[in-house]
Protein backbone atom coordinates (compact mmCIF):
# COMPACT_ATOMS: atom_id res chain seq x y z
CA MET A 1 40.71 -10.64 96.90
CA GLN A 2 38.04 -8.27 98.19
CA LEU A 3 39.43 -5.50 96.01
CA LYS A 4 39.08 -7.73 92.93
CA GLN A 5 35.48 -8.59 93.83
CA ALA A 6 34.68 -4.94 94.50
CA LYS A 7 35.97 -3.97 91.05
CA LEU A 8 33.89 -6.72 89.41
CA TYR A 9 30.83 -5.55 91.34
CA ARG A 10 31.37 -1.92 90.26
CA ARG A 11 31.79 -2.93 86.60
CA HIS A 12 28.64 -5.04 86.83
CA ARG A 13 26.64 -2.15 88.32
CA ARG A 14 27.90 0.14 85.55
CA VAL A 15 26.79 -2.31 82.85
CA ARG A 16 23.42 -2.93 84.52
CA ALA A 17 22.70 0.81 84.70
CA LYS A 18 22.66 0.89 80.89
CA VAL A 19 21.11 -2.50 80.08
CA LYS A 20 17.42 -3.21 80.71
CA GLY A 21 15.52 -6.27 79.55
CA THR A 22 11.85 -6.50 78.57
CA LYS A 23 9.64 -9.40 77.57
CA GLU A 24 10.17 -8.64 73.86
CA CYS A 25 13.91 -7.99 74.24
CA PRO A 26 15.18 -9.68 77.43
CA ARG A 27 18.59 -9.30 79.02
CA PHE A 28 21.05 -12.12 78.19
CA SER A 29 22.86 -12.38 81.52
CA VAL A 30 26.15 -14.30 81.85
CA PHE A 31 27.70 -15.78 84.99
CA ARG A 32 31.20 -17.19 84.82
CA SER A 33 33.05 -18.99 87.58
CA ASN A 34 36.44 -20.67 87.41
CA GLN A 35 34.92 -24.04 86.47
CA HIS A 36 31.42 -23.38 85.13
CA ILE A 37 29.43 -20.93 83.04
CA SER A 38 25.72 -20.19 82.92
CA ALA A 39 23.35 -17.85 81.14
CA GLN A 40 19.79 -16.71 81.52
CA LEU A 41 17.33 -14.45 79.74
CA VAL A 42 15.70 -12.05 82.18
CA ASP A 43 12.64 -9.80 81.93
CA ASP A 44 13.58 -6.90 84.22
CA ASN A 45 10.09 -5.39 84.21
CA LYS A 46 8.53 -8.46 85.86
CA ARG A 47 11.80 -9.59 87.47
CA GLU A 48 11.52 -13.11 86.11
CA THR A 49 13.81 -15.50 84.29
CA LEU A 50 12.45 -16.57 80.91
CA VAL A 51 15.17 -19.05 79.89
CA SER A 52 18.23 -20.39 81.66
CA PHE A 53 20.95 -22.94 80.96
CA ASP A 54 24.36 -23.90 82.32
CA ASP A 55 27.17 -26.28 81.46
CA LEU A 56 26.16 -28.71 84.22
CA LYS A 57 23.16 -29.76 82.09
CA ILE A 58 25.31 -30.79 79.10
CA LYS A 59 25.57 -34.59 79.00
CA ASN A 60 28.65 -35.40 76.90
CA LYS A 61 31.19 -32.88 78.06
CA LYS A 62 34.14 -35.25 78.31
CA GLY A 63 37.01 -33.87 76.28
CA LEU A 64 35.44 -30.44 75.75
CA THR A 65 37.35 -27.34 76.79
CA LYS A 66 35.76 -24.53 78.79
CA MET A 67 35.61 -22.43 75.60
CA GLN A 68 33.71 -25.16 73.75
CA LEU A 69 31.34 -25.61 76.69
CA ALA A 70 30.66 -21.87 76.77
CA LYS A 71 29.86 -21.85 73.05
CA GLU A 72 27.55 -24.85 73.48
CA VAL A 73 25.73 -23.18 76.38
CA GLY A 74 25.20 -20.10 74.18
CA ARG A 75 23.76 -22.27 71.41
CA LEU A 76 21.40 -24.11 73.75
CA VAL A 77 20.15 -20.89 75.39
CA ALA A 78 19.46 -19.49 71.92
CA LYS A 79 17.54 -22.63 70.91
CA LYS A 80 15.37 -22.41 74.03
CA ALA A 81 14.80 -18.69 73.41
CA LEU A 82 13.76 -19.24 69.81
CA GLU A 83 11.29 -21.91 70.97
CA LYS A 84 9.70 -19.22 73.16
CA LYS A 85 9.68 -16.84 70.16
CA ILE A 86 12.42 -14.59 71.57
CA LYS A 87 14.61 -13.41 68.70
CA LYS A 88 16.29 -10.26 70.03
CA VAL A 89 18.18 -9.80 73.31
CA VAL A 90 20.37 -7.27 75.10
CA PHE A 91 23.73 -8.70 76.15
CA ASP A 92 24.78 -8.29 79.80
CA ARG A 93 28.38 -9.41 80.20
CA GLY A 94 28.07 -9.21 83.98
CA GLY A 95 31.16 -7.08 84.59
CA TYR A 96 33.44 -9.55 82.80
CA LYS A 97 35.59 -8.55 79.83
CA TYR A 98 34.07 -9.39 76.46
CA HIS A 99 36.63 -12.00 75.47
CA GLY A 100 37.33 -15.65 76.13
CA ARG A 101 34.40 -17.68 77.42
CA VAL A 102 31.99 -14.73 77.55
CA LYS A 103 32.68 -13.94 73.89
CA ALA A 104 32.40 -17.64 72.94
CA MET A 105 28.97 -17.84 74.59
CA ALA A 106 27.77 -14.75 72.71
CA GLU A 107 29.07 -16.13 69.40
CA GLY A 108 27.34 -19.47 70.03
CA ALA A 109 24.04 -17.69 70.63
CA ARG A 110 24.49 -15.58 67.48
CA GLU A 111 25.20 -18.70 65.41
CA GLU A 112 21.83 -20.14 66.43
CA GLY A 113 20.03 -16.99 65.26
CA LEU A 114 19.71 -14.78 68.35
CA LYS A 115 20.08 -11.06 67.56
CA PHE A 116 22.09 -8.82 69.90
């Protein structure tokens, strides 16, 4: 298990070396666990979170799959970002592969009008 975590950590460091967020174009950071998924928009210059959301805050999630929840979280993060006049972001997949729930979250955010 430690080998798996070490590989994830190395992939995440490699992604973070290339991706930097600013106030105008923050970093769209994704965290995925086995049961939940969350996202936040981060300004790396000031080291502050501008917007955050996770699937625990969704009220009616009975009957929704993890993929649907991920897409909904992406939509809601994008809505909050657009309210704060953030239209463009840099996507940080957090060392995870860009498929499945991570991809669904990105597509949900794009559908709401967030530019990657």
